[in-house]
PDB file of N, CA and C in Angstrom:
ATOM      1  N   UNK A   1       6.031  -1.958 -11.007  1.00  0.00           N
ATOM      2  CA  UNK A   1       4.941  -1.332 -11.726  1.00  0.00           C
ATOM      3  C   UNK A   1       4.309  -0.226 -10.884  1.00  0.00           C
ATOM      4  N   UNK A   2       3.756  -0.594  -9.726  1.00  0.00           N
ATOM      5  CA  UNK A   2       3.114   0.402  -8.888  1.00  0.00           C
ATOM      6  C   UNK A   2       4.122   1.251  -8.123  1.00  0.00           C
ATOM      7  N   UNK A   3       5.285   0.687  -7.849  1.00  0.00           N
ATOM      8  CA  UNK A   3       6.252   1.392  -7.016  1.00  0.00           C
ATOM      9  C   UNK A   3       6.587   2.765  -7.597  1.00  0.00           C
ATOM     10  N   UNK A   4       6.814   2.819  -8.902  1.00  0.00           N
ATOM     11  CA  UNK A   4       7.146   4.095  -9.535  1.00  0.00           C
ATOM     12  C   UNK A   4       5.952   5.046  -9.543  1.00  0.00           C
ATOM     13  N   UNK A   5       4.772   4.517  -9.873  1.00  0.00           N
ATOM     14  CA  UNK A   5       3.601   5.386  -9.995  1.00  0.00           C
ATOM     15  C   UNK A   5       3.008   5.777  -8.645  1.00  0.00           C
ATOM     16  N   UNK A   6       3.428   5.104  -7.584  1.00  0.00           N
ATOM     17  CA  UNK A   6       2.890   5.416  -6.257  1.00  0.00           C
ATOM     18  C   UNK A   6       3.956   5.947  -5.306  1.00  0.00           C
ATOM     19  N   UNK A   7       4.969   6.555  -5.851  1.00  0.00           N
ATOM     20  CA  UNK A   7       6.013   7.144  -5.006  1.00  0.00           C
ATOM     21  C   UNK A   7       5.439   8.251  -4.120  1.00  0.00           C
ATOM     22  N   UNK A   8       4.314   8.836  -4.525  1.00  0.00           N
ATOM     23  CA  UNK A   8       3.647   9.875  -3.734  1.00  0.00           C
ATOM     24  C   UNK A   8       3.294   9.387  -2.325  1.00  0.00           C
ATOM     25  N   UNK A   9       3.120   8.071  -2.162  1.00  0.00           N
ATOM     26  CA  UNK A   9       2.702   7.519  -0.872  1.00  0.00           C
ATOM     27  C   UNK A   9       3.714   7.798   0.232  1.00  0.00           C
ATOM     28  N   UNK A  10       4.959   7.991  -0.147  1.00  0.00           N
ATOM     29  CA  UNK A  10       6.020   8.191   0.843  1.00  0.00           C
ATOM     30  C   UNK A  10       6.688   9.558   0.696  1.00  0.00           C
ATOM     31  N   UNK A  11       6.016  10.457   0.006  1.00  0.00           N
ATOM     32  CA  UNK A  11       6.445  11.855  -0.108  1.00  0.00           C
ATOM     33  C   UNK A  11       5.309  12.728   0.408  1.00  0.00           C
ATOM     34  N   UNK A  12       5.131  12.666   1.710  1.00  0.00           N
ATOM     35  CA  UNK A  12       3.984  13.303   2.352  1.00  0.00           C
ATOM     36  C   UNK A  12       4.119  14.808   2.503  1.00  0.00           C
ATOM     37  N   UNK A  13       5.260  15.253   2.924  1.00  0.00           N
ATOM     38  CA  UNK A  13       5.410  16.653   3.322  1.00  0.00           C
ATOM     39  C   UNK A  13       6.067  17.516   2.254  1.00  0.00           C
ATOM     40  N   UNK A  14       5.593  18.763   2.163  1.00  0.00           N
ATOM     41  CA  UNK A  14       6.254  19.760   1.325  1.00  0.00           C
ATOM     42  C   UNK A  14       7.647  19.974   1.896  1.00  0.00           C
ATOM     43  N   UNK A  15       7.721  20.357   3.121  1.00  0.00           N
ATOM     44  CA  UNK A  15       8.928  20.417   3.942  1.00  0.00           C
ATOM     45  C   UNK A  15       8.470  19.948   5.311  1.00  0.00           C
ATOM     46  N   UNK A  16       9.353  19.343   6.066  1.00  0.00           N
ATOM     47  CA  UNK A  16       8.968  18.852   7.390  1.00  0.00           C
ATOM     48  C   UNK A  16       8.292  19.986   8.165  1.00  0.00           C
ATOM     49  N   UNK A  17       7.078  19.717   8.613  1.00  0.00           N
ATOM     50  CA  UNK A  17       6.335  20.691   9.402  1.00  0.00           C
ATOM     51  C   UNK A  17       5.655  21.783   8.602  1.00  0.00           C
ATOM     52  N   UNK A  18       5.710  21.711   7.270  1.00  0.00           N
ATOM     53  CA  UNK A  18       5.130  22.779   6.451  1.00  0.00           C
ATOM     54  C   UNK A  18       3.924  22.343   5.637  1.00  0.00           C
ATOM     55  N   UNK A  19       3.362  21.219   5.954  1.00  0.00           N
ATOM     56  CA  UNK A  19       2.150  20.784   5.270  1.00  0.00           C
ATOM     57  C   UNK A  19       2.368  19.624   4.323  1.00  0.00           C
ATOM     58  N   UNK A  20       1.251  19.083   3.868  1.00  0.00           N
ATOM     59  CA  UNK A  20       1.257  17.928   2.980  1.00  0.00           C
ATOM     60  C   UNK A  20       1.336  18.365   1.528  1.00  0.00           C
ATOM     61  N   UNK A  21       1.962  17.531   0.706  1.00  0.00           N
ATOM     62  CA  UNK A  21       2.015  17.837  -0.720  1.00  0.00           C
ATOM     63  C   UNK A  21       0.634  17.611  -1.330  1.00  0.00           C
ATOM     64  N   UNK A  22       0.331  18.351  -2.368  1.00  0.00           N
ATOM     65  CA  UNK A  22      -0.936  18.160  -3.068  1.00  0.00           C
ATOM     66  C   UNK A  22      -0.980  16.768  -3.694  1.00  0.00           C
ATOM     67  N   UNK A  23       0.161  16.301  -4.182  1.00  0.00           N
ATOM     68  CA  UNK A  23       0.241  14.961  -4.768  1.00  0.00           C
ATOM     69  C   UNK A  23      -0.150  13.889  -3.740  1.00  0.00           C
ATOM     70  N   UNK A  24       0.306  14.049  -2.498  1.00  0.00           N
ATOM     71  CA  UNK A  24      -0.044  13.086  -1.450  1.00  0.00           C
ATOM     72  C   UNK A  24      -1.544  13.139  -1.161  1.00  0.00           C
ATOM     73  N   UNK A  25      -2.102  14.328  -1.027  1.00  0.00           N
ATOM     74  CA  UNK A  25      -3.537  14.458  -0.749  1.00  0.00           C
ATOM     75  C   UNK A  25      -4.376  13.870  -1.882  1.00  0.00           C
ATOM     76  N   UNK A  26      -3.972  14.143  -3.125  1.00  0.00           N
ATOM     77  CA  UNK A  26      -4.686  13.575  -4.275  1.00  0.00           C
ATOM     78  C   UNK A  26      -4.580  12.053  -4.285  1.00  0.00           C
ATOM     79  N   UNK A  27      -3.397  11.542  -3.964  1.00  0.00           N
ATOM     80  CA  UNK A  27      -3.185  10.098  -3.928  1.00  0.00           C
ATOM     81  C   UNK A  27      -3.992   9.420  -2.840  1.00  0.00           C
ATOM     82  N   UNK A  28      -4.068  10.036  -1.672  1.00  0.00           N
ATOM     83  CA  UNK A  28      -4.881   9.476  -0.584  1.00  0.00           C
ATOM     84  C   UNK A  28      -6.344   9.442  -1.015  1.00  0.00           C
ATOM     85  N   UNK A  29      -6.788  10.476  -1.695  1.00  0.00           N
ATOM     86  CA  UNK A  29      -8.161  10.495  -2.207  1.00  0.00           C
ATOM     87  C   UNK A  29      -8.379   9.351  -3.198  1.00  0.00           C
ATOM     88  N   UNK A  30      -7.404   9.125  -4.081  1.00  0.00           N
ATOM     89  CA  UNK A  30      -7.473   8.011  -5.034  1.00  0.00           C
ATOM     90  C   UNK A  30      -7.539   6.672  -4.285  1.00  0.00           C
ATOM     91  N   UNK A  31      -6.718   6.532  -3.253  1.00  0.00           N
ATOM     92  CA  UNK A  31      -6.704   5.299  -2.465  1.00  0.00           C
ATOM     93  C   UNK A  31      -8.061   5.054  -1.803  1.00  0.00           C
ATOM     94  N   UNK A  32      -8.596   6.059  -1.121  1.00  0.00           N
ATOM     95  CA  UNK A  32      -9.874   5.907  -0.407  1.00  0.00           C
ATOM     96  C   UNK A  32     -10.999   5.613  -1.398  1.00  0.00           C
ATOM     97  N   UNK A  33     -11.012   6.307  -2.526  1.00  0.00           N
ATOM     98  CA  UNK A  33     -12.031   6.060  -3.550  1.00  0.00           C
ATOM     99  C   UNK A  33     -11.951   4.618  -4.041  1.00  0.00           C
ATOM    100  N   UNK A  34     -10.728   4.141  -4.292  1.00  0.00           N
ATOM    101  CA  UNK A  34     -10.551   2.748  -4.716  1.00  0.00           C
ATOM    102  C   UNK A  34     -11.074   1.789  -3.649  1.00  0.00           C
ATOM    103  N   UNK A  35     -10.656   1.990  -2.408  1.00  0.00           N
ATOM    104  CA  UNK A  35     -11.035   1.089  -1.313  1.00  0.00           C
ATOM    105  C   UNK A  35     -12.552   1.059  -1.113  1.00  0.00           C
ATOM    106  N   UNK A  36     -13.205   2.203  -1.237  1.00  0.00           N
ATOM    107  CA  UNK A  36     -14.665   2.263  -1.071  1.00  0.00           C
ATOM    108  C   UNK A  36     -15.406   1.550  -2.197  1.00  0.00           C
ATOM    109  N   UNK A  37     -14.737   1.324  -3.302  1.00  0.00           N
ATOM    110  CA  UNK A  37     -15.344   0.610  -4.423  1.00  0.00           C
ATOM    111  C   UNK A  37     -15.190  -0.902  -4.339  1.00  0.00           C
ATOM    112  N   UNK A  38     -14.477  -1.373  -3.344  1.00  0.00           N
ATOM    113  CA  UNK A  38     -14.216  -2.810  -3.179  1.00  0.00           C
ATOM    114  C   UNK A  38     -15.059  -3.343  -2.018  1.00  0.00           C
ATOM    115  N   UNK A  39     -16.350  -3.449  -2.227  1.00  0.00           N
ATOM    116  CA  UNK A  39     -17.297  -3.771  -1.154  1.00  0.00           C
ATOM    117  C   UNK A  39     -16.998  -5.089  -0.446  1.00  0.00           C
ATOM    118  N   UNK A  40     -16.495  -6.076  -1.168  1.00  0.00           N
ATOM    119  CA  UNK A  40     -16.209  -7.370  -0.546  1.00  0.00           C
ATOM    120  C   UNK A  40     -15.024  -7.299   0.413  1.00  0.00           C
ATOM    121  N   UNK A  41     -14.254  -6.207   0.384  1.00  0.00           N
ATOM    122  CA  UNK A  41     -13.119  -6.027   1.290  1.00  0.00           C
ATOM    123  C   UNK A  41     -13.428  -5.033   2.405  1.00  0.00           C
ATOM    124  N   UNK A  42     -14.699  -4.675   2.540  1.00  0.00           N
ATOM    125  CA  UNK A  42     -15.121  -3.705   3.543  1.00  0.00           C
ATOM    126  C   UNK A  42     -15.864  -4.405   4.678  1.00  0.00           C
ATOM    127  N   UNK A  43     -15.990  -3.697   5.786  1.00  0.00           N
ATOM    128  CA  UNK A  43     -16.811  -4.141   6.909  1.00  0.00           C
ATOM    129  C   UNK A  43     -17.915  -3.101   7.050  1.00  0.00           C
ATOM    130  N   UNK A  44     -19.025  -3.347   6.371  1.00  0.00           N
ATOM    131  CA  UNK A  44     -20.083  -2.346   6.318  1.00  0.00           C
ATOM    132  C   UNK A  44     -19.605  -1.162   5.501  1.00  0.00           C
ATOM    133  N   UNK A  45     -19.540   0.002   6.139  1.00  0.00           N
ATOM    134  CA  UNK A  45     -19.051   1.200   5.453  1.00  0.00           C
ATOM    135  C   UNK A  45     -17.576   1.468   5.756  1.00  0.00           C
ATOM    136  N   UNK A  46     -16.935   0.573   6.476  1.00  0.00           N
ATOM    137  CA  UNK A  46     -15.546   0.781   6.908  1.00  0.00           C
ATOM    138  C   UNK A  46     -14.562   0.052   6.000  1.00  0.00           C
ATOM    139  N   UNK A  47     -13.378   0.658   5.847  1.00  0.00           N
ATOM    140  CA  UNK A  47     -12.302   0.062   5.058  1.00  0.00           C
ATOM    141  C   UNK A  47     -11.084  -0.156   5.954  1.00  0.00           C
ATOM    142  N   UNK A  48     -10.210  -1.054   5.517  1.00  0.00           N
ATOM    143  CA  UNK A  48      -8.968  -1.279   6.269  1.00  0.00           C
ATOM    144  C   UNK A  48      -8.075  -0.055   6.127  1.00  0.00           C
ATOM    145  N   UNK A  49      -7.478   0.335   7.229  1.00  0.00           N
ATOM    146  CA  UNK A  49      -6.612   1.511   7.238  1.00  0.00           C
ATOM    147  C   UNK A  49      -5.145   1.068   7.170  1.00  0.00           C
ATOM    148  N   UNK A  50      -4.417   1.495   6.118  1.00  0.00           N
ATOM    149  CA  UNK A  50      -3.018   1.102   5.958  1.00  0.00           C
ATOM    150  C   UNK A  50      -2.026   2.089   6.572  1.00  0.00           C
ATOM    151  N   UNK A  51      -2.446   2.820   7.594  1.00  0.00           N
ATOM    152  CA  UNK A  51      -1.523   3.771   8.218  1.00  0.00           C
ATOM    153  C   UNK A  51      -0.521   3.027   9.103  1.00  0.00           C
ATOM    154  N   UNK A  52       0.501   3.728   9.542  1.00  0.00           N
ATOM    155  CA  UNK A  52       1.550   3.137  10.376  1.00  0.00           C
ATOM    156  C   UNK A  52       1.020   2.643  11.718  1.00  0.00           C
ATOM    157  N   UNK A  53      -0.100   3.153  12.162  1.00  0.00           N
ATOM    158  CA  UNK A  53      -0.686   2.724  13.436  1.00  0.00           C
ATOM    159  C   UNK A  53      -1.613   1.514  13.258  1.00  0.00           C
ATOM    160  N   UNK A  54      -2.499   1.562  12.279  1.00  0.00           N
ATOM    161  CA  UNK A  54      -3.495   0.495  12.084  1.00  0.00           C
ATOM    162  C   UNK A  54      -2.934  -0.713  11.329  1.00  0.00           C
ATOM    163  N   UNK A  55      -2.038  -0.482  10.403  1.00  0.00           N
ATOM    164  CA  UNK A  55      -1.347  -1.541   9.643  1.00  0.00           C
ATOM    165  C   UNK A  55      -2.304  -2.535   8.986  1.00  0.00           C
ATOM    166  N   UNK A  56      -3.395  -2.029   8.433  1.00  0.00           N
ATOM    167  CA  UNK A  56      -4.401  -2.855   7.749  1.00  0.00           C
ATOM    168  C   UNK A  56      -5.103  -3.845   8.668  1.00  0.00           C
ATOM    169  N   UNK A  57      -4.974  -3.684   9.966  1.00  0.00           N
ATOM    170  CA  UNK A  57      -5.628  -4.591  10.910  1.00  0.00           C
ATOM    171  C   UNK A  57      -6.972  -4.063  11.383  1.00  0.00           C
ATOM    172  N   UNK A  58      -7.209  -2.765  11.206  1.00  0.00           N
ATOM    173  CA  UNK A  58      -8.450  -2.152  11.692  1.00  0.00           C
ATOM    174  C   UNK A  58      -9.289  -1.654  10.524  1.00  0.00           C
ATOM    175  N   UNK A  59     -10.599  -1.831  10.660  1.00  0.00           N
ATOM    176  CA  UNK A  59     -11.552  -1.235   9.737  1.00  0.00           C
ATOM    177  C   UNK A  59     -12.012   0.077  10.360  1.00  0.00           C
ATOM    178  N   UNK A  60     -11.927   1.157   9.600  1.00  0.00           N
ATOM    179  CA  UNK A  60     -12.369   2.465  10.093  1.00  0.00           C
ATOM    180  C   UNK A  60     -13.131   3.191   8.986  1.00  0.00           C
ATOM    181  N   UNK A  61     -13.881   4.204   9.367  1.00  0.00           N
ATOM    182  CA  UNK A  61     -14.614   5.022   8.396  1.00  0.00           C
ATOM    183  C   UNK A  61     -13.623   5.773   7.510  1.00  0.00           C
ATOM    184  N   UNK A  62     -14.043   6.084   6.299  1.00  0.00           N
ATOM    185  CA  UNK A  62     -13.133   6.694   5.328  1.00  0.00           C
ATOM    186  C   UNK A  62     -12.569   8.038   5.792  1.00  0.00           C
ATOM    187  N   UNK A  63     -13.371   8.856   6.485  1.00  0.00           N
ATOM    188  CA  UNK A  63     -12.844  10.142   6.949  1.00  0.00           C
ATOM    189  C   UNK A  63     -11.722   9.947   7.965  1.00  0.00           C
ATOM    190  N   UNK A  64     -11.798   8.860   8.722  1.00  0.00           N
ATOM    191  CA  UNK A  64     -10.738   8.559   9.680  1.00  0.00           C
ATOM    192  C   UNK A  64      -9.482   8.052   8.964  1.00  0.00           C
ATOM    193  N   UNK A  65      -9.667   7.332   7.853  1.00  0.00           N
ATOM    194  CA  UNK A  65      -8.521   6.873   7.060  1.00  0.00           C
ATOM    195  C   UNK A  65      -7.743   8.079   6.537  1.00  0.00           C
ATOM    196  N   UNK A  66      -8.460   9.079   6.035  1.00  0.00           N
ATOM    197  CA  UNK A  66      -7.783  10.304   5.588  1.00  0.00           C
ATOM    198  C   UNK A  66      -6.927  10.859   6.722  1.00  0.00           C
ATOM    199  N   UNK A  67      -7.520  11.024   7.876  1.00  0.00           N
ATOM    200  CA  UNK A  67      -6.823  11.603   9.025  1.00  0.00           C
ATOM    201  C   UNK A  67      -5.599  10.768   9.404  1.00  0.00           C
ATOM    202  N   UNK A  68      -5.779   9.453   9.481  1.00  0.00           N
ATOM    203  CA  UNK A  68      -4.670   8.568   9.855  1.00  0.00           C
ATOM    204  C   UNK A  68      -3.525   8.655   8.849  1.00  0.00           C
ATOM    205  N   UNK A  69      -3.845   8.635   7.555  1.00  0.00           N
ATOM    206  CA  UNK A  69      -2.789   8.687   6.543  1.00  0.00           C
ATOM    207  C   UNK A  69      -2.112  10.048   6.522  1.00  0.00           C
ATOM    208  N   UNK A  70      -2.871  11.107   6.697  1.00  0.00           N
ATOM    209  CA  UNK A  70      -2.269  12.440   6.770  1.00  0.00           C
ATOM    210  C   UNK A  70      -1.349  12.548   7.984  1.00  0.00           C
ATOM    211  N   UNK A  71      -1.751  11.952   9.091  1.00  0.00           N
ATOM    212  CA  UNK A  71      -1.010  12.069  10.344  1.00  0.00           C
ATOM    213  C   UNK A  71       0.145  11.079  10.459  1.00  0.00           C
ATOM    214  N   UNK A  72      -0.110   9.816  10.120  1.00  0.00           N
ATOM    215  CA  UNK A  72       0.877   8.754  10.351  1.00  0.00           C
ATOM    216  C   UNK A  72       1.576   8.264   9.092  1.00  0.00           C
ATOM    217  N   UNK A  73       0.970   8.450   7.928  1.00  0.00           N
ATOM    218  CA  UNK A  73       1.529   7.931   6.685  1.00  0.00           C
ATOM    219  C   UNK A  73       1.196   6.458   6.479  1.00  0.00           C
ATOM    220  N   UNK A  74       1.538   5.961   5.293  1.00  0.00           N
ATOM    221  CA  UNK A  74       1.293   4.565   4.930  1.00  0.00           C
ATOM    222  C   UNK A  74       2.324   3.641   5.567  1.00  0.00           C
ATOM    223  N   UNK A  75       1.935   2.380   5.790  1.00  0.00           N
ATOM    224  CA  UNK A  75       2.905   1.373   6.220  1.00  0.00           C
ATOM    225  C   UNK A  75       3.965   1.246   5.126  1.00  0.00           C
ATOM    226  N   UNK A  76       5.136   0.795   5.505  1.00  0.00           N
ATOM    227  CA  UNK A  76       6.256   0.699   4.570  1.00  0.00           C
ATOM    228  C   UNK A  76       5.956  -0.248   3.411  1.00  0.00           C
ATOM    229  N   UNK A  77       6.357   0.184   2.224  1.00  0.00           N
ATOM    230  CA  UNK A  77       6.305  -0.639   1.004  1.00  0.00           C
ATOM    231  C   UNK A  77       4.922  -1.179   0.659  1.00  0.00           C
ATOM    232  N   UNK A  78       3.896  -0.405   0.903  1.00  0.00           N
ATOM    233  CA  UNK A  78       2.536  -0.869   0.608  1.00  0.00           C
ATOM    234  C   UNK A  78       2.067  -0.336  -0.749  1.00  0.00           C
ATOM    235  N   UNK A  79       2.829  -0.646  -1.787  1.00  0.00           N
ATOM    236  CA  UNK A  79       2.515  -0.136  -3.119  1.00  0.00           C
ATOM    237  C   UNK A  79       1.350  -0.876  -3.769  1.00  0.00           C
ATOM    238  N   UNK A  80       1.149  -2.131  -3.447  1.00  0.00           N
ATOM    239  CA  UNK A  80       0.047  -2.921  -3.985  1.00  0.00           C
ATOM    240  C   UNK A  80      -1.011  -3.044  -2.885  1.00  0.00           C
ATOM    241  N   UNK A  81      -2.172  -2.497  -3.112  1.00  0.00           N
ATOM    242  CA  UNK A  81      -3.215  -2.382  -2.090  1.00  0.00           C
ATOM    243  C   UNK A  81      -4.019  -3.675  -1.959  1.00  0.00           C
ATOM    244  N   UNK A  82      -3.345  -4.750  -1.624  1.00  0.00           N
ATOM    245  CA  UNK A  82      -3.985  -6.062  -1.589  1.00  0.00           C
ATOM    246  C   UNK A  82      -5.042  -6.190  -0.498  1.00  0.00           C
ATOM    247  N   UNK A  83      -4.877  -5.516   0.617  1.00  0.00           N
ATOM    248  CA  UNK A  83      -5.869  -5.602   1.697  1.00  0.00           C
ATOM    249  C   UNK A  83      -7.143  -4.840   1.364  1.00  0.00           C
ATOM    250  N   UNK A  84      -7.109  -4.037   0.307  1.00  0.00           N
ATOM    251  CA  UNK A  84      -8.287  -3.299  -0.137  1.00  0.00           C
ATOM    252  C   UNK A  84      -8.840  -3.880  -1.434  1.00  0.00           C
ATOM    253  N   UNK A  85      -8.313  -5.030  -1.872  1.00  0.00           N
ATOM    254  CA  UNK A  85      -8.890  -5.714  -3.023  1.00  0.00           C
ATOM    255  C   UNK A  85      -8.151  -5.568  -4.330  1.00  0.00           C
ATOM    256  N   UNK A  86      -7.002  -4.940  -4.334  1.00  0.00           N
ATOM    257  CA  UNK A  86      -6.249  -4.829  -5.580  1.00  0.00           C
ATOM    258  C   UNK A  86      -5.635  -6.195  -5.896  1.00  0.00           C
ATOM    259  N   UNK A  87      -5.786  -6.676  -7.121  1.00  0.00           N
ATOM    260  CA  UNK A  87      -5.268  -8.013  -7.450  1.00  0.00           C
ATOM    261  C   UNK A  87      -3.755  -8.100  -7.275  1.00  0.00           C
ATOM    262  N   UNK A  88      -3.320  -9.143  -6.623  1.00  0.00           N
ATOM    263  CA  UNK A  88      -1.897  -9.347  -6.377  1.00  0.00           C
ATOM    264  C   UNK A  88      -1.129  -9.532  -7.664  1.00  0.00           C
ATOM    265  N   UNK A  89      -1.683 -10.252  -8.615  1.00  0.00           N
ATOM    266  CA  UNK A  89      -0.946 -10.508  -9.848  1.00  0.00           C
ATOM    267  C   UNK A  89      -0.637  -9.235 -10.623  1.00  0.00           C
ATOM    268  N   UNK A  90      -1.365  -8.167 -10.384  1.00  0.00           N
ATOM    269  CA  UNK A  90      -1.082  -6.917 -11.081  1.00  0.00           C
ATOM    270  C   UNK A  90       0.225  -6.300 -10.613  1.00  0.00           C
ATOM    271  N   UNK A  91       0.756  -6.776  -9.492  1.00  0.00           N
ATOM    272  CA  UNK A  91       2.005  -6.245  -8.955  1.00  0.00           C
ATOM    273  C   UNK A  91       3.224  -6.920  -9.569  1.00  0.00           C
ATOM    274  N   UNK A  92       3.053  -8.116 -10.099  1.00  0.00           N
ATOM    275  CA  UNK A  92       4.166  -8.862 -10.656  1.00  0.00           C
ATOM    276  C   UNK A  92       4.580  -8.280 -11.999  1.00  0.00           C
ATOM    277  N   UNK A  93       5.869  -8.249 -12.239  1.00  0.00           N
ATOM    278  CA  UNK A  93       6.413  -7.768 -13.503  1.00  0.00           C
ATOM    279  C   UNK A  93       6.725  -8.997 -14.345  1.00  0.00           C
ATOM    280  N   UNK A  94       6.140  -9.109 -15.541  1.00  0.00           N
ATOM    281  CA  UNK A  94       6.393 -10.291 -16.357  1.00  0.00           C
ATOM    282  C   UNK A  94       7.857 -10.378 -16.775  1.00  0.00           C
ATOM    283  N   UNK A  95       8.367 -11.598 -16.830  1.00  0.00           N
ATOM    284  CA  UNK A  95       9.732 -11.823 -17.286  1.00  0.00           C
ATOM    285  C   UNK A  95       9.678 -12.669 -18.542  1.00  0.00           C
ATOM    286  N   UNK A  96      10.597 -12.418 -19.467  1.00  0.00           N
ATOM    287  CA  UNK A  96      10.583 -13.150 -20.726  1.00  0.00           C
ATOM    288  C   UNK A  96      11.391 -14.434 -20.649  1.00  0.00           C
ATOM    289  N   UNK A  97      12.309 -14.549 -19.683  1.00  0.00           N
ATOM    290  CA  UNK A  97      13.145 -15.735 -19.570  1.00  0.00           C
ATOM    291  C   UNK A  97      12.993 -16.329 -18.184  1.00  0.00           C
ATOM    292  N   UNK A  98      12.778 -17.638 -18.109  1.00  0.00           N
ATOM    293  CA  UNK A  98      12.741 -18.323 -16.822  1.00  0.00           C
ATOM    294  C   UNK A  98      11.481 -18.039 -16.031  1.00  0.00           C
ATOM    295  N   UNK A  99      11.476 -18.566 -14.828  1.00  0.00           N
ATOM    296  CA  UNK A  99      10.345 -18.374 -13.928  1.00  0.00           C
ATOM    297  C   UNK A  99      10.652 -17.268 -12.935  1.00  0.00           C
ATOM    298  N   UNK A 100       9.628 -16.563 -12.540  1.00  0.00           N
ATOM    299  CA  UNK A 100       9.790 -15.524 -11.531  1.00  0.00           C
ATOM    300  C   UNK A 100       9.495 -16.111 -10.163  1.00  0.00           C
ATOM    301  N   UNK A 101      10.305 -15.769  -9.191  1.00  0.00           N
ATOM    302  CA  UNK A 101      10.011 -16.147  -7.812  1.00  0.00           C
ATOM    303  C   UNK A 101       9.837 -14.890  -6.970  1.00  0.00           C
ATOM    304  N   UNK A 102       9.478 -13.781  -7.625  1.00  0.00           N
ATOM    305  CA  UNK A 102       9.331 -12.501  -6.952  1.00  0.00           C
ATOM    306  C   UNK A 102       8.133 -12.510  -6.019  1.00  0.00           C
ATOM    307  N   UNK A 103       8.343 -12.039  -4.794  1.00  0.00           N
ATOM    308  CA  UNK A 103       7.273 -11.870  -3.813  1.00  0.00           C
ATOM    309  C   UNK A 103       7.377 -10.450  -3.284  1.00  0.00           C
ATOM    310  N   UNK A 104       6.278  -9.659  -3.330  1.00  0.00           N
ATOM    311  CA  UNK A 104       6.345  -8.302  -2.791  1.00  0.00           C
ATOM    312  C   UNK A 104       6.856  -8.318  -1.356  1.00  0.00           C
ATOM    313  N   UNK A 105       7.656  -7.338  -1.009  1.00  0.00           N
ATOM    314  CA  UNK A 105       8.312  -7.288   0.293  1.00  0.00           C
ATOM    315  C   UNK A 105       7.343  -7.401   1.458  1.00  0.00           C
ATOM    316  N   UNK A 106       6.158  -6.774   1.335  1.00  0.00           N
ATOM    317  CA  UNK A 106       5.223  -6.803   2.454  1.00  0.00           C
ATOM    318  C   UNK A 106       4.613  -8.186   2.664  1.00  0.00           C
ATOM    319  N   UNK A 107       4.801  -9.098   1.700  1.00  0.00           N
ATOM    320  CA  UNK A 107       4.246 -10.437   1.834  1.00  0.00           C
ATOM    321  C   UNK A 107       5.297 -11.470   2.222  1.00  0.00           C
ATOM    322  N   UNK A 108       6.563 -11.138   2.100  1.00  0.00           N
ATOM    323  CA  UNK A 108       7.619 -12.097   2.406  1.00  0.00           C
ATOM    324  C   UNK A 108       7.834 -12.187   3.906  1.00  0.00           C
ATOM    325  N   UNK A 109       7.896 -13.403   4.413  1.00  0.00           N
ATOM    326  CA  UNK A 109       8.159 -13.588   5.839  1.00  0.00           C
ATOM    327  C   UNK A 109       9.537 -14.165   6.073  1.00  0.00           C
ATOM    328  N   UNK A 110      10.248 -14.483   4.985  1.00  0.00           N
ATOM    329  CA  UNK A 110      11.545 -15.133   5.121  1.00  0.00           C
ATOM    330  C   UNK A 110      12.711 -14.176   4.962  1.00  0.00           C
ATOM    331  N   UNK A 111      12.518 -13.066   4.259  1.00  0.00           N
ATOM    332  CA  UNK A 111      13.587 -12.085   4.088  1.00  0.00           C
ATOM    333  C   UNK A 111      14.820 -12.683   3.442  1.00  0.00           C
ATOM    334  N   UNK A 112      15.993 -12.392   4.006  1.00  0.00           N
ATOM    335  CA  UNK A 112      17.256 -12.837   3.429  1.00  0.00           C
ATOM    336  C   UNK A 112      17.443 -14.342   3.507  1.00  0.00           C
ATOM    337  N   UNK A 113      16.821 -15.009   4.457  1.00  0.00           N
ATOM    338  CA  UNK A 113      16.952 -16.461   4.572  1.00  0.00           C
ATOM    339  C   UNK A 113      16.424 -17.164   3.327  1.00  0.00           C
ATOM    340  N   UNK A 114      15.350 -16.613   2.755  1.00  0.00           N
ATOM    341  CA  UNK A 114      14.794 -17.192   1.539  1.00  0.00           C
ATOM    342  C   UNK A 114      15.794 -17.102   0.400  1.00  0.00           C
ATOM    343  N   UNK A 115      16.464 -15.958   0.266  1.00  0.00           N
ATOM    344  CA  UNK A 115      17.440 -15.767  -0.799  1.00  0.00           C
ATOM    345  C   UNK A 115      18.611 -16.731  -0.663  1.00  0.00           C
ATOM    346  N   UNK A 116      19.036 -17.022   0.559  1.00  0.00           N
ATOM    347  CA  UNK A 116      20.173 -17.906   0.775  1.00  0.00           C
ATOM    348  C   UNK A 116      19.850 -19.342   0.390  1.00  0.00           C
ATOM    349  N   UNK A 117      18.576 -19.711   0.390  1.00  0.00           N
ATOM    350  CA  UNK A 117      18.210 -21.096   0.128  1.00  0.00           C
ATOM    351  C   UNK A 117      18.108 -21.418  -1.356  1.00  0.00           C
ATOM    352  N   UNK A 118      18.132 -20.416  -2.224  1.00  0.00           N
ATOM    353  CA  UNK A 118      18.006 -20.646  -3.660  1.00  0.00           C
ATOM    354  C   UNK A 118      19.383 -20.834  -4.275  1.00  0.00           C
ATOM    355  N   UNK A 119      19.541 -21.873  -5.083  1.00  0.00           N
ATOM    356  CA  UNK A 119      20.787 -22.062  -5.835  1.00  0.00           C
ATOM    357  C   UNK A 119      20.793 -21.078  -6.985  1.00  0.00           C
ATOM    358  N   UNK A 120      21.860 -20.398  -7.156  1.00  0.00           N
ATOM    359  CA  UNK A 120      21.954 -19.400  -8.223  1.00  0.00           C
ATOM    360  C   UNK A 120      22.567 -19.974  -9.466  1.00  0.00           C
TER     361      UNK A 120
END
């Protein structure tokens, strides 16, 4: 669901070394605006920074989040902004048959071992 609509998160540059795409800048603005609206996920006026350096472990001011994302980019596969308060269930794609055992990649700690343990 979000993966398609948030492809901008990983298309930062117009050309390597030639600046950021407008789509990326607009998307970062959308992200920061969303995060600032989730007060229960903030530390005072600071939000978690999902850049490659902070990895959602640090709370920083919003202007610093812009800088970090422009400079370092988002952590891999962070399409669902769960550390900023986006509901996890909104990331799941409903299935009409059977049960889903889908877990977003950034939340899985088992990787391929988990897949091997399921009977097909």
